[in-house]
Amino acid sequence: MAKRAPLDCGPHATKRQRTEFPQDKLPSLGELVLGGRCSEAKILLSRQRAAIDERDQDGMTPLLQAVGLKNAKMASILIENKASLEVRDLEGRTALAIAASNGCIESTKVLLAARANLEAPDYSGRTVLNLAACNGELKILELLISEGALMEARDAEKRTVLQTAGCNGHANIVRTLVMRKASLEAVDSSNETALIISARKGHAPVVKTLLEMNASAFHILEHKNAHGFSALSCSSCSGHFDVVNLLLAAGGDIESRSNEGFTPLLCASCGGRQEVVSLLLDRKAKIESFNNHGDTPLLLTALKGHKDVAEVLIQRGANLEAKERDGMTPLMVASLEGHDKLVKTFLEAGANIEASNNGGTSLMCAVFQQHKKVTELLLEHKAFVDPRNTDGDSALKLAARDRNRHLAEILLDAGADFLMKNAWGVSVIDEVFHNLRAARNTQNLEQEWELYGLISLFTFHPRALPKHRELLVPRFMTELVPTSQEQLMRRELLSEIRDAVDHVMGAGAQKWMPKEFVRIVSTSIFEYVDNCCVVLREISRHVNSMSM
């Protein structure tokens, strides 16, 4: 490879050099820095010193670029030519901060020799020492401390250098800082110490270092953050088994309570941390502890759906009938949340399927939230199909109120009574007809076809007695089809609707309408037509039988 000619266009340059580097084609200082061309940069600076702090499109000056590339020699040349030590990158970092972050000790020494500011924070409030601790740069950290950097300097979250190192899991830096008398009791804006932060993050080596090097370990073990969680509670919630084990061995309070009454066992149960739950129970944690809302560990697992944790608690003797503040048992909570696998676990363990709070059983909870699988599971285990709440409403009434035909059919198959009345004398069918009139008045087609579907279900379900049909059909005629002429017109209209849909589908509607949209709309209209026609067909049969 041919040797590159040095950059020199001055009075002593050769004719060849002046030809190769004409004045209008000189490389910029930034290009020379990126290429690591120190000698050429030095020559250029002797002629264009004003460009030394010029920024590129990324906001970087030549000095920031040189430090970022760990080129200490280039950084030294730039500093000799009066490059500013206070310029910052887009994150607010000075050249010294970048050098400390990147672990370039040579550049750091050059900048320190030039008396760069040790305490200049970036836009997140992190000083140079914070950044070195954050990135695990032990040698640079020791160098900065020897130069007088403040160990108690804080970032925007009020974290000290020790807390920053603990948060990022750098046990060697934590040990160095503790040996240099960094405060273990300093707290950040969330009132968390270095121990709580490292425990929450699951940094077992850091936690071990802090416990071994602290003469008053018990004091920092009992410290709580702004929400009242200790280091043990935080690590239990996050599921850090090794950290929990260390803290328990050091004497952490296994029944420590947060502001809302959460113990470590409640935290682990809520988070679904099976191994930690087993460990805490082995260490004699109270299995029936409860928080300010009355939630026990088993109730919290029911709420969150943690089946494996629930099985551990049940095996250890947790109370299946414990009730929270609103009177709900674990089975009721799991039914309300739709955790079908957990519901099955509770039922197989012998949970009371008819336990209630103000009349609301597990079946009522499942129907209220329209959980089909849970409803079927409870009915398979012989749940009473017609429980009533304090208003006298049954499970079928709740399903009808939500116009959920599938749930209503499941309940009817199990023997639910749609003529049962509530405390105000309103039956399920009364409410369905009331809602149907409202839907017709507001011209809500979607609700109307859903309600027609319910009426046809109640009328023609296999469990519907003939006397029920005799009650429903005349009522339908009286309230919604006053004359046989209107009945005939409605049937013709429905037939026209079906023909129109067939025509649209046959005319290639997919060319101007999304295929899925056409399918959904046409299916909905057909369902509406079918529901109406079923009811009207029975009315016609009833009218004919009366006239004979």
Protein backbone atom coordinates (compact mmCIF):
# COMPACT_ATOMS: atom_id res chain seq x y z
CA MET A 1 0.00 0.00 0.00
CA ALA A 2 1.34 3.47 -0.92
CA LYS A 3 2.32 5.63 2.03
CA ARG A 4 -0.08 8.49 2.65
CA ALA A 5 1.50 11.92 2.23
CA PRO A 6 1.26 14.15 5.29
CA LEU A 7 -1.22 16.98 5.23
CA ASP A 8 0.76 20.18 4.64
CA CYS A 9 -0.33 23.07 2.46
CA GLY A 10 1.81 25.68 4.14
CA PRO A 11 4.73 27.68 2.68
CA HIS A 12 7.11 24.73 3.14
CA ALA A 13 4.85 22.16 1.40
CA THR A 14 6.07 20.44 -1.71
CA LYS A 15 4.43 21.05 -5.06
CA ARG A 16 3.00 17.50 -4.95
CA GLN A 17 1.42 18.10 -1.54
CA ARG A 18 -0.19 21.33 -2.69
CA THR A 19 -1.59 19.46 -5.69
CA GLU A 20 -2.94 16.53 -3.60
CA PHE A 21 -4.51 18.73 -0.91
CA PRO A 22 -5.91 21.86 -2.55
CA GLN A 23 -7.33 24.44 -0.14
CA ASP A 24 -10.97 23.77 -1.03
CA LYS A 25 -10.72 19.99 -0.50
CA LEU A 26 -9.11 19.79 2.95
CA PRO A 27 -10.65 17.14 5.24
CA SER A 28 -12.51 18.54 8.23
CA LEU A 29 -11.23 18.20 11.77
CA GLY A 30 -14.10 15.84 12.56
CA GLU A 31 -13.10 13.54 9.69
CA LEU A 32 -9.51 13.47 10.93
CA VAL A 33 -10.68 12.65 14.47
CA LEU A 34 -12.90 9.82 13.22
CA GLY A 35 -10.00 8.47 11.20
CA GLY A 36 -7.56 8.73 14.10
CA ARG A 37 -5.18 10.91 12.03
CA CYS A 38 -3.48 12.71 14.93
CA SER A 39 -0.52 14.29 13.12
CA GLU A 40 -2.72 15.69 10.38
CA ALA A 41 -5.22 17.01 12.92
CA LYS A 42 -2.40 18.79 14.71
CA ILE A 43 -1.27 20.47 11.47
CA LEU A 44 -4.84 21.46 10.60
CA LEU A 45 -5.39 22.99 14.03
CA SER A 46 -2.36 25.21 13.52
CA ARG A 47 -4.25 26.77 10.60
CA GLN A 48 -7.98 26.46 11.56
CA ARG A 49 -8.17 26.77 15.32
CA ALA A 50 -11.65 28.36 15.19
CA ALA A 51 -13.18 25.00 14.10
CA ILE A 52 -12.05 23.09 17.19
CA ASP A 53 -15.45 23.20 18.93
CA GLU A 54 -17.61 22.86 15.84
CA ARG A 55 -20.39 20.26 16.23
CA ASP A 56 -21.35 17.62 13.72
CA GLN A 57 -24.92 16.60 12.87
CA ASP A 58 -25.07 14.44 16.04
CA GLY A 59 -24.09 17.37 18.23
CA MET A 60 -20.57 16.02 18.90
CA THR A 61 -17.50 18.20 18.96
CA PRO A 62 -14.09 16.78 17.93
CA LEU A 63 -13.10 16.35 21.60
CA LEU A 64 -16.28 14.45 22.42
CA GLN A 65 -15.69 12.26 19.38
CA ALA A 66 -12.09 11.55 20.31
CA VAL A 67 -13.01 10.59 23.87
CA GLY A 68 -15.88 8.44 22.63
CA LEU A 69 -13.42 6.59 20.38
CA LYS A 70 -11.02 6.16 23.35
CA ASN A 71 -8.31 8.05 21.50
CA ALA A 72 -6.38 9.67 24.35
CA LYS A 73 -3.65 11.02 22.04
CA MET A 74 -6.17 12.87 19.88
CA ALA A 75 -7.93 14.17 22.99
CA SER A 76 -4.59 15.51 24.28
CA ILE A 77 -3.90 17.34 20.98
CA LEU A 78 -7.36 18.93 21.04
CA ILE A 79 -7.00 20.01 24.67
CA GLU A 80 -3.57 21.55 23.91
CA ASN A 81 -5.32 23.57 21.23
CA LYS A 82 -7.86 24.93 23.72
CA ALA A 83 -10.80 22.60 23.02
CA SER A 84 -13.60 23.32 25.50
CA LEU A 85 -13.85 20.84 28.36
CA GLU A 86 -17.39 21.96 29.22
CA VAL A 87 -19.18 21.13 25.96
CA ARG A 88 -21.81 18.38 26.28
CA ASP A 89 -23.33 15.73 24.06
CA LEU A 90 -27.07 15.27 23.55
CA GLU A 91 -27.34 13.51 26.94
CA GLY A 92 -25.59 16.36 28.72
CA ARG A 93 -22.33 14.45 29.24
CA THR A 94 -19.00 16.25 29.22
CA ALA A 95 -15.86 14.71 27.72
CA LEU A 96 -14.82 13.49 31.19
CA ALA A 97 -18.23 11.87 31.72
CA ILE A 98 -17.96 10.06 28.38
CA ALA A 99 -14.46 8.84 29.21
CA ALA A 100 -15.63 7.55 32.61
CA SER A 101 -18.64 5.80 31.02
CA ASN A 102 -16.53 4.15 28.33
CA GLY A 103 -13.85 2.95 30.72
CA CYS A 104 -11.01 4.80 28.98
CA ILE A 105 -8.60 5.49 31.83
CA GLU A 106 -6.00 7.16 29.56
CA SER A 107 -8.51 9.76 28.33
CA THR A 108 -9.73 10.21 31.89
CA LYS A 109 -6.20 10.99 33.09
CA VAL A 110 -5.69 13.47 30.24
CA LEU A 111 -8.92 15.28 31.11
CA LEU A 112 -8.21 15.28 34.84
CA ALA A 113 -4.76 16.73 34.15
CA ALA A 114 -6.48 19.51 32.23
CA ARG A 115 -8.64 20.13 35.34
CA ALA A 116 -11.96 19.00 33.85
CA ASN A 117 -14.98 19.49 36.15
CA LEU A 118 -15.44 16.39 38.34
CA GLU A 119 -18.95 17.27 39.47
CA ALA A 120 -20.58 18.39 36.20
CA PRO A 121 -23.91 16.49 36.02
CA ASP A 122 -25.54 15.24 32.83
CA TYR A 123 -29.20 15.91 32.03
CA SER A 124 -30.21 13.05 34.38
CA GLY A 125 -28.24 14.59 37.23
CA ARG A 126 -25.49 11.92 37.12
CA THR A 127 -21.99 13.07 37.94
CA VAL A 128 -18.86 11.52 36.48
CA LEU A 129 -18.54 9.27 39.53
CA ASN A 130 -22.17 8.16 39.17
CA LEU A 131 -21.54 7.18 35.56
CA ALA A 132 -18.39 5.24 36.41
CA ALA A 133 -20.30 3.35 39.13
CA CYS A 134 -23.24 2.73 36.80
CA ASN A 135 -20.99 1.12 34.18
CA GLY A 136 -18.84 -0.85 36.60
CA GLU A 137 -15.59 1.01 35.88
CA LEU A 138 -13.73 0.30 39.12
CA LYS A 139 -10.28 1.69 38.17
CA ILE A 140 -11.75 4.94 36.90
CA LEU A 141 -13.94 5.20 40.00
CA GLU A 142 -10.90 4.84 42.26
CA LEU A 143 -9.02 7.42 40.18
CA LEU A 144 -11.89 9.89 40.41
CA ILE A 145 -12.21 9.44 44.17
CA SER A 146 -8.48 10.00 44.58
CA GLU A 147 -8.93 13.25 42.66
CA GLY A 148 -11.62 14.38 45.10
CA ALA A 149 -14.91 13.30 43.47
CA LEU A 150 -17.81 13.36 45.96
CA MET A 151 -19.13 9.89 46.87
CA GLU A 152 -22.39 11.37 48.18
CA ALA A 153 -23.21 13.18 44.94
CA ARG A 154 -26.78 12.38 43.83
CA ASP A 155 -28.52 12.04 40.50
CA ALA A 156 -32.02 13.22 39.55
CA GLU A 157 -33.57 10.37 41.58
CA LYS A 158 -31.48 11.40 44.59
CA ARG A 159 -29.40 8.24 44.37
CA THR A 160 -25.85 8.24 45.66
CA VAL A 161 -22.93 6.53 43.92
CA LEU A 162 -23.33 3.50 46.23
CA GLN A 163 -27.01 3.17 45.34
CA THR A 164 -26.22 3.47 41.64
CA ALA A 165 -23.61 0.71 41.86
CA GLY A 166 -26.00 -1.50 43.84
CA CYS A 167 -28.81 -0.94 41.36
CA ASN A 168 -26.57 -2.13 38.52
CA GLY A 169 -25.18 -5.13 40.39
CA HIS A 170 -21.51 -4.10 40.66
CA ALA A 171 -20.45 -5.83 43.90
CA ASN A 172 -16.76 -4.90 43.53
CA ILE A 173 -17.59 -1.20 43.32
CA VAL A 174 -20.01 -1.50 46.25
CA ARG A 175 -17.24 -3.08 48.32
CA THR A 176 -14.81 -0.30 47.38
CA LEU A 177 -17.32 2.42 48.25
CA VAL A 178 -18.26 0.85 51.59
CA MET A 179 -14.58 0.52 52.49
CA ARG A 180 -14.25 4.25 51.75
CA LYS A 181 -17.08 4.96 54.22
CA ALA A 182 -19.93 5.53 51.76
CA SER A 183 -23.21 5.81 53.68
CA LEU A 184 -25.33 2.65 53.65
CA GLU A 185 -28.28 4.50 55.14
CA ALA A 186 -28.59 7.15 52.41
CA VAL A 187 -32.00 7.05 50.73
CA ASP A 188 -33.22 8.12 47.30
CA SER A 189 -36.44 9.90 46.34
CA SER A 190 -38.40 6.68 47.04
CA ASN A 191 -36.80 6.36 50.48
CA GLU A 192 -34.90 3.27 49.32
CA THR A 193 -31.44 2.39 50.60
CA ALA A 194 -28.76 0.62 48.55
CA LEU A 195 -29.85 -2.67 50.17
CA ILE A 196 -33.49 -2.29 49.16
CA ILE A 197 -32.58 -1.29 45.60
CA SER A 198 -30.18 -4.20 45.08
CA ALA A 199 -32.62 -6.65 46.74
CA ARG A 200 -35.46 -5.54 44.49
CA LYS A 201 -33.21 -5.94 41.45
CA GLY A 202 -32.11 -9.40 42.58
CA HIS A 203 -28.38 -8.68 42.84
CA ALA A 204 -27.43 -11.36 45.39
CA PRO A 205 -23.65 -10.64 45.38
CA VAL A 206 -24.32 -6.97 46.15
CA VAL A 207 -26.77 -7.85 48.93
CA LYS A 208 -24.25 -10.27 50.40
CA THR A 209 -21.50 -7.62 50.28
CA LEU A 210 -23.70 -5.00 51.98
CA LEU A 211 -24.70 -7.42 54.74
CA GLU A 212 -21.13 -8.65 55.36
CA MET A 213 -19.60 -5.17 55.50
CA ASN A 214 -22.22 -3.52 57.67
CA ALA A 215 -21.77 -3.73 61.43
CA SER A 216 -25.40 -2.69 62.01
CA ALA A 217 -27.00 -4.97 59.41
CA PHE A 218 -30.18 -5.27 61.47
CA HIS A 219 -30.84 -1.56 61.15
CA ILE A 220 -30.69 -1.49 57.37
CA LEU A 221 -32.67 -4.75 57.18
CA GLU A 222 -35.60 -3.08 58.90
CA HIS A 223 -35.57 0.07 56.81
CA LYS A 224 -38.66 0.51 54.58
CA ASN A 225 -39.24 2.48 51.40
CA ALA A 226 -41.96 5.07 50.84
CA HIS A 227 -44.61 2.32 50.44
CA GLY A 228 -43.50 0.52 53.60
CA PHE A 229 -41.73 -2.39 51.89
CA SER A 230 -38.54 -3.74 53.43
CA ALA A 231 -35.70 -5.31 51.44
CA LEU A 232 -37.16 -8.75 52.21
CA SER A 233 -40.61 -7.75 50.98
CA CYS A 234 -39.20 -6.23 47.78
CA SER A 235 -37.13 -9.31 46.94
CA SER A 236 -40.08 -11.60 47.76
CA CYS A 237 -42.34 -9.66 45.44
CA SER A 238 -39.79 -9.92 42.62
CA GLY A 239 -39.17 -13.62 43.25
CA HIS A 240 -35.41 -13.43 43.92
CA PHE A 241 -34.95 -16.68 45.84
CA ASP A 242 -31.22 -16.27 46.61
CA VAL A 243 -31.70 -12.73 47.89
CA VAL A 244 -34.65 -13.76 50.08
CA ASN A 245 -32.54 -16.58 51.52
CA LEU A 246 -29.69 -14.17 52.32
CA LEU A 247 -31.98 -11.66 54.00
CA LEU A 248 -33.73 -14.32 56.09
CA ALA A 249 -30.35 -15.70 57.19
CA ALA A 250 -29.31 -12.18 58.21
CA GLY A 251 -32.40 -11.80 60.40
CA GLY A 252 -34.89 -10.03 58.15
CA ASP A 253 -38.39 -9.70 59.63
CA ILE A 254 -40.53 -12.36 57.92
CA GLU A 255 -43.73 -10.63 59.08
CA SER A 256 -42.73 -7.09 58.12
CA ARG A 257 -45.80 -5.22 56.89
CA SER A 258 -46.06 -2.52 54.22
CA ASN A 259 -48.32 0.52 54.40
CA GLU A 260 -51.15 -1.59 52.94
CA GLY A 261 -50.40 -4.55 55.20
CA PHE A 262 -48.46 -6.75 52.75
CA THR A 263 -46.06 -9.22 54.38
CA PRO A 264 -43.28 -10.93 52.38
CA LEU A 265 -45.53 -14.01 51.96
CA LEU A 266 -48.40 -11.88 50.66
CA CYS A 267 -46.00 -10.17 48.25
CA ALA A 268 -44.66 -13.47 46.93
CA SER A 269 -48.16 -14.96 46.61
CA CYS A 270 -49.46 -11.93 44.75
CA GLY A 271 -46.51 -12.07 42.36
CA GLY A 272 -46.84 -15.81 41.73
CA ARG A 273 -43.40 -16.63 43.16
CA GLN A 274 -43.81 -20.33 43.98
CA GLU A 275 -40.24 -21.04 45.16
CA VAL A 276 -40.18 -17.99 47.40
CA VAL A 277 -43.59 -18.89 48.85
CA SER A 278 -42.31 -22.37 49.72
CA LEU A 279 -39.16 -20.90 51.28
CA LEU A 280 -41.11 -18.43 53.42
CA LEU A 281 -43.50 -21.15 54.59
CA ASP A 282 -40.51 -23.33 55.48
CA ARG A 283 -39.29 -20.43 57.64
CA LYS A 284 -42.67 -20.35 59.45
CA ALA A 285 -44.31 -17.39 57.74
CA LYS A 286 -47.96 -17.01 58.78
CA ILE A 287 -50.05 -18.64 56.08
CA GLU A 288 -53.21 -16.79 57.12
CA SER A 289 -51.68 -13.32 57.32
CA PHE A 290 -53.83 -10.69 55.65
CA ASN A 291 -53.42 -7.17 54.32
CA ASN A 292 -55.55 -4.09 54.97
CA HIS A 293 -58.18 -5.36 52.49
CA GLY A 294 -58.47 -8.71 54.25
CA ASP A 295 -56.68 -10.61 51.48
CA THR A 296 -54.86 -13.77 52.57
CA PRO A 297 -52.13 -15.33 50.42
CA LEU A 298 -54.67 -17.77 48.93
CA LEU A 299 -57.09 -14.95 48.11
CA LEU A 300 -54.34 -13.06 46.30
CA THR A 301 -53.41 -16.11 44.23
CA ALA A 302 -57.09 -16.49 43.34
CA LEU A 303 -57.20 -12.88 42.25
CA LYS A 304 -54.08 -13.17 40.07
CA GLY A 305 -54.69 -16.73 38.83
CA HIS A 306 -51.46 -18.30 40.12
CA LYS A 307 -52.46 -21.98 40.13
CA ASP A 308 -49.06 -23.39 41.13
CA VAL A 309 -48.81 -21.06 44.15
CA ALA A 310 -52.39 -21.88 45.17
CA GLU A 311 -51.55 -25.61 45.15
CA VAL A 312 -48.56 -25.01 47.46
CA LEU A 313 -50.71 -22.98 49.86
CA ILE A 314 -53.49 -25.57 49.86
CA GLN A 315 -50.99 -28.37 50.56
CA ARG A 316 -49.66 -26.33 53.49
CA GLY A 317 -53.17 -25.99 54.94
CA ALA A 318 -54.40 -22.60 53.74
CA ASN A 319 -58.03 -21.88 54.59
CA LEU A 320 -60.19 -22.40 51.49
CA GLU A 321 -63.08 -20.49 53.08
CA ALA A 322 -61.17 -17.38 54.17
CA LYS A 323 -63.06 -14.22 53.24
CA GLU A 324 -61.76 -10.82 52.26
CA ARG A 325 -63.29 -7.51 53.28
CA ASP A 326 -66.28 -7.87 50.92
CA GLY A 327 -66.99 -11.44 52.04
CA MET A 328 -65.63 -13.26 48.99
CA THR A 329 -63.86 -16.62 49.27
CA PRO A 330 -60.95 -17.73 47.04
CA LEU A 331 -63.37 -19.76 44.88
CA MET A 332 -65.61 -16.74 44.39
CA VAL A 333 -62.67 -14.49 43.52
CA ALA A 334 -61.30 -17.01 40.99
CA SER A 335 -64.79 -17.36 39.47
CA LEU A 336 -65.17 -13.61 39.19
CA GLU A 337 -61.78 -13.30 37.47
CA GLY A 338 -62.44 -16.22 35.10
CA HIS A 339 -59.51 -18.42 36.21
CA ASP A 340 -61.11 -21.75 35.24
CA LYS A 341 -58.07 -23.91 36.05
CA LEU A 342 -57.81 -22.37 39.50
CA VAL A 343 -61.56 -22.80 40.04
CA LYS A 344 -61.14 -26.50 39.28
CA THR A 345 -58.25 -26.71 41.76
CA PHE A 346 -60.35 -25.14 44.52
CA LEU A 347 -63.32 -27.38 43.80
CA GLU A 348 -61.17 -30.53 43.84
CA ALA A 349 -59.69 -29.36 47.15
CA GLY A 350 -63.20 -29.20 48.65
CA ALA A 351 -64.05 -25.49 48.52
CA ASN A 352 -67.67 -24.66 49.37
CA ILE A 353 -69.34 -24.06 46.02
CA GLU A 354 -72.35 -22.35 47.66
CA ALA A 355 -70.41 -19.88 49.83
CA SER A 356 -71.84 -16.42 49.28
CA ASN A 357 -71.57 -12.77 50.13
CA ASN A 358 -74.99 -11.11 50.27
CA GLY A 359 -76.42 -13.93 48.19
CA GLY A 360 -73.81 -13.82 45.46
CA THR A 361 -72.32 -17.29 44.96
CA SER A 362 -69.41 -18.36 42.78
CA LEU A 363 -71.90 -19.09 39.99
CA MET A 364 -73.29 -15.56 40.24
CA CYS A 365 -69.74 -14.19 40.05
CA ALA A 366 -68.93 -16.19 36.92
CA VAL A 367 -72.18 -15.23 35.16
CA PHE A 368 -71.83 -11.59 36.17
CA GLN A 369 -68.47 -11.41 34.35
CA GLN A 370 -69.75 -13.69 31.52
CA HIS A 371 -67.15 -16.42 32.03
CA LYS A 372 -68.59 -19.34 30.09
CA LYS A 373 -65.97 -21.96 31.00
CA VAL A 374 -66.18 -21.21 34.71
CA THR A 375 -69.99 -21.28 34.60
CA GLU A 376 -69.98 -24.71 32.94
CA LEU A 377 -67.38 -25.98 35.41
CA LEU A 378 -69.39 -24.85 38.44
CA LEU A 379 -72.58 -26.40 37.08
CA GLU A 380 -70.72 -29.66 36.42
CA HIS A 381 -69.84 -29.68 40.12
CA LYS A 382 -73.54 -29.31 41.01
CA ALA A 383 -73.67 -25.60 41.83
CA PHE A 384 -77.22 -24.43 42.62
CA VAL A 385 -78.47 -22.96 39.35
CA ASP A 386 -80.90 -20.39 40.78
CA PRO A 387 -79.07 -18.50 43.57
CA ARG A 388 -80.29 -15.00 44.33
CA ASN A 389 -78.47 -11.84 45.32
CA THR A 390 -79.82 -9.24 47.74
CA ASP A 391 -82.10 -7.85 45.00
CA GLY A 392 -83.54 -11.27 44.33
CA ASP A 393 -81.95 -11.52 40.88
CA SER A 394 -80.91 -14.98 39.74
CA ALA A 395 -77.91 -15.99 37.63
CA LEU A 396 -80.22 -16.32 34.61
CA LYS A 397 -81.43 -12.77 35.19
CA LEU A 398 -77.84 -11.53 35.04
CA ALA A 399 -77.20 -13.42 31.80
CA ALA A 400 -80.40 -12.03 30.26
CA ARG A 401 -79.53 -8.52 31.35
CA ASP A 402 -76.28 -8.82 29.41
CA ARG A 403 -78.20 -10.37 26.47
CA ASN A 404 -75.84 -13.35 26.64
CA ARG A 405 -77.75 -16.13 24.91
CA HIS A 406 -74.97 -18.70 25.30
CA LEU A 407 -74.83 -18.34 29.09
CA ALA A 408 -78.63 -18.27 29.31
CA GLU A 409 -78.82 -21.53 27.38
CA ILE A 410 -76.22 -23.15 29.66
CA LEU A 411 -78.25 -22.11 32.71
CA LEU A 412 -81.53 -23.28 31.17
CA ASP A 413 -79.92 -26.64 30.35
CA ALA A 414 -79.07 -26.90 34.06
CA GLY A 415 -82.68 -26.19 35.04
CA ALA A 416 -82.80 -22.42 35.63
CA ASP A 417 -86.31 -20.93 35.99
CA PHE A 418 -86.93 -17.92 33.72
CA LEU A 419 -90.27 -17.16 35.42
CA MET A 420 -88.68 -16.68 38.86
CA LYS A 421 -89.30 -13.14 40.13
CA ASN A 422 -86.99 -10.86 42.08
CA ALA A 423 -87.72 -8.74 45.15
CA TRP A 424 -89.73 -6.27 43.02
CA GLY A 425 -91.79 -8.95 41.30
CA VAL A 426 -89.89 -8.76 37.99
CA SER A 427 -89.08 -12.04 36.26
CA VAL A 428 -86.36 -12.73 33.73
CA ILE A 429 -88.82 -12.67 30.85
CA ASP A 430 -90.32 -9.41 32.15
CA GLU A 431 -86.95 -7.75 31.89
CA VAL A 432 -86.28 -9.21 28.44
CA PHE A 433 -89.56 -7.80 27.09
CA HIS A 434 -88.88 -4.46 28.76
CA ASN A 435 -85.45 -4.28 27.17
CA LEU A 436 -86.87 -5.33 23.80
CA ARG A 437 -89.36 -2.47 23.84
CA ALA A 438 -86.55 -0.06 24.72
CA ALA A 439 -84.39 -1.40 21.89
CA ARG A 440 -87.25 -1.01 19.41
CA ASN A 441 -87.95 2.55 20.56
CA THR A 442 -84.30 3.53 20.17
CA GLN A 443 -84.00 1.55 16.93
CA ASN A 444 -81.04 -0.40 18.33
CA LEU A 445 -80.99 -3.26 15.84
CA GLU A 446 -78.12 -5.12 17.49
CA GLN A 447 -79.80 -5.28 20.89
CA GLU A 448 -83.13 -6.10 19.29
CA TRP A 449 -81.91 -9.24 17.50
CA GLU A 450 -80.08 -10.38 20.65
CA LEU A 451 -83.30 -10.04 22.65
CA TYR A 452 -85.33 -11.83 19.99
CA GLY A 453 -82.79 -14.63 20.33
CA LEU A 454 -83.40 -14.81 24.09
CA ILE A 455 -87.19 -14.89 23.61
CA SER A 456 -86.92 -17.71 21.08
CA LEU A 457 -84.58 -19.53 23.49
CA PHE A 458 -87.00 -19.21 26.40
CA THR A 459 -89.95 -20.20 24.21
CA PHE A 460 -88.54 -23.24 22.47
CA HIS A 461 -85.94 -24.57 24.87
CA PRO A 462 -86.48 -28.30 25.58
CA ARG A 463 -87.01 -27.54 29.27
CA ALA A 464 -89.70 -24.94 28.52
CA LEU A 465 -93.07 -26.35 29.53
CA PRO A 466 -96.09 -26.03 27.22
CA LYS A 467 -97.72 -23.72 29.76
CA HIS A 468 -94.70 -21.42 29.53
CA ARG A 469 -95.15 -21.21 25.78
CA GLU A 470 -98.83 -20.44 26.27
CA LEU A 471 -97.76 -17.51 28.48
CA LEU A 472 -95.03 -16.21 26.20
CA VAL A 473 -96.69 -16.31 22.78
CA PRO A 474 -99.81 -14.29 23.64
CA ARG A 475 -97.66 -11.79 25.49
CA PHE A 476 -95.46 -11.38 22.47
CA MET A 477 -98.55 -10.87 20.31
CA THR A 478 -100.04 -8.32 22.71
CA GLU A 479 -96.94 -6.24 23.35
CA LEU A 480 -95.03 -6.42 20.09
CA VAL A 481 -97.35 -7.71 17.32
CA PRO A 482 -100.76 -6.13 17.89
CA THR A 483 -102.44 -7.42 14.71
CA SER A 484 -102.10 -10.36 12.39
CA GLN A 485 -101.74 -7.88 9.52
CA GLU A 486 -98.63 -6.39 11.16
CA GLN A 487 -97.37 -9.90 11.75
CA LEU A 488 -97.71 -10.64 8.04
CA MET A 489 -96.00 -7.38 7.06
CA ARG A 490 -93.11 -8.10 9.39
CA ARG A 491 -92.57 -11.56 7.98
CA GLU A 492 -92.55 -10.12 4.45
CA LEU A 493 -90.08 -7.44 5.52
CA LEU A 494 -87.73 -9.99 7.02
CA SER A 495 -87.92 -12.01 3.85
CA GLU A 496 -87.03 -8.90 1.87
CA ILE A 497 -84.05 -8.27 4.14
CA ARG A 498 -82.77 -11.80 3.53
CA ASP A 499 -83.21 -11.38 -0.22
CA ALA A 500 -81.37 -8.06 -0.14
CA VAL A 501 -78.42 -9.57 1.70
CA ASP A 502 -78.28 -12.47 -0.74
CA HIS A 503 -78.30 -9.98 -3.59
CA VAL A 504 -75.49 -7.92 -2.08
CA MET A 505 -73.36 -10.97 -1.49
CA GLY A 506 -74.07 -12.27 -4.97
CA ALA A 507 -73.33 -8.90 -6.57
CA GLY A 508 -69.71 -9.06 -5.49
CA ALA A 509 -69.81 -6.77 -2.48
CA GLN A 510 -66.34 -7.94 -1.54
CA LYS A 511 -64.96 -5.73 -4.30
CA TRP A 512 -65.92 -2.56 -2.43
CA MET A 513 -66.27 -3.83 1.13
CA PRO A 514 -63.76 -5.79 3.28
CA LYS A 515 -64.53 -9.50 3.23
CA GLU A 516 -64.55 -9.86 7.03
CA PHE A 517 -66.92 -6.91 7.39
CA VAL A 518 -69.39 -8.39 4.90
CA ARG A 519 -69.24 -11.74 6.66
CA ILE A 520 -69.91 -10.26 10.12
CA VAL A 521 -72.70 -7.96 8.96
CA SER A 522 -74.46 -10.61 6.89
CA THR A 523 -74.18 -13.18 9.68
CA SER A 524 -75.62 -10.71 12.18
CA ILE A 525 -78.55 -9.84 9.90
CA PHE A 526 -79.28 -13.50 9.22
CA GLU A 527 -79.20 -14.20 12.95
CA TYR A 528 -81.59 -11.33 13.58
CA VAL A 529 -83.92 -12.53 10.81
CA ASP A 530 -83.85 -16.10 12.08
CA ASN A 531 -84.55 -15.05 15.69
CA CYS A 532 -87.51 -12.93 14.62
CA CYS A 533 -88.88 -15.53 12.23
CA VAL A 534 -88.75 -18.29 14.84
CA VAL A 535 -90.87 -16.24 17.22
CA LEU A 536 -93.24 -15.05 14.47
CA ARG A 537 -93.62 -18.58 13.14
CA GLU A 538 -94.77 -19.77 16.56
CA ILE A 539 -97.15 -16.84 16.81
CA SER A 540 -98.63 -17.78 13.47
CA ARG A 541 -99.06 -21.37 14.65
CA HIS A 542 -100.69 -20.17 17.83
CA VAL A 543 -103.08 -17.85 15.97
CA ASN A 544 -104.07 -20.62 13.58
CA SER A 545 -104.73 -23.04 16.42
CA MET A 546 -106.97 -20.44 18.11
CA SER A 547 -109.02 -19.87 14.95
CA MET A 548 -109.68 -23.58 14.38
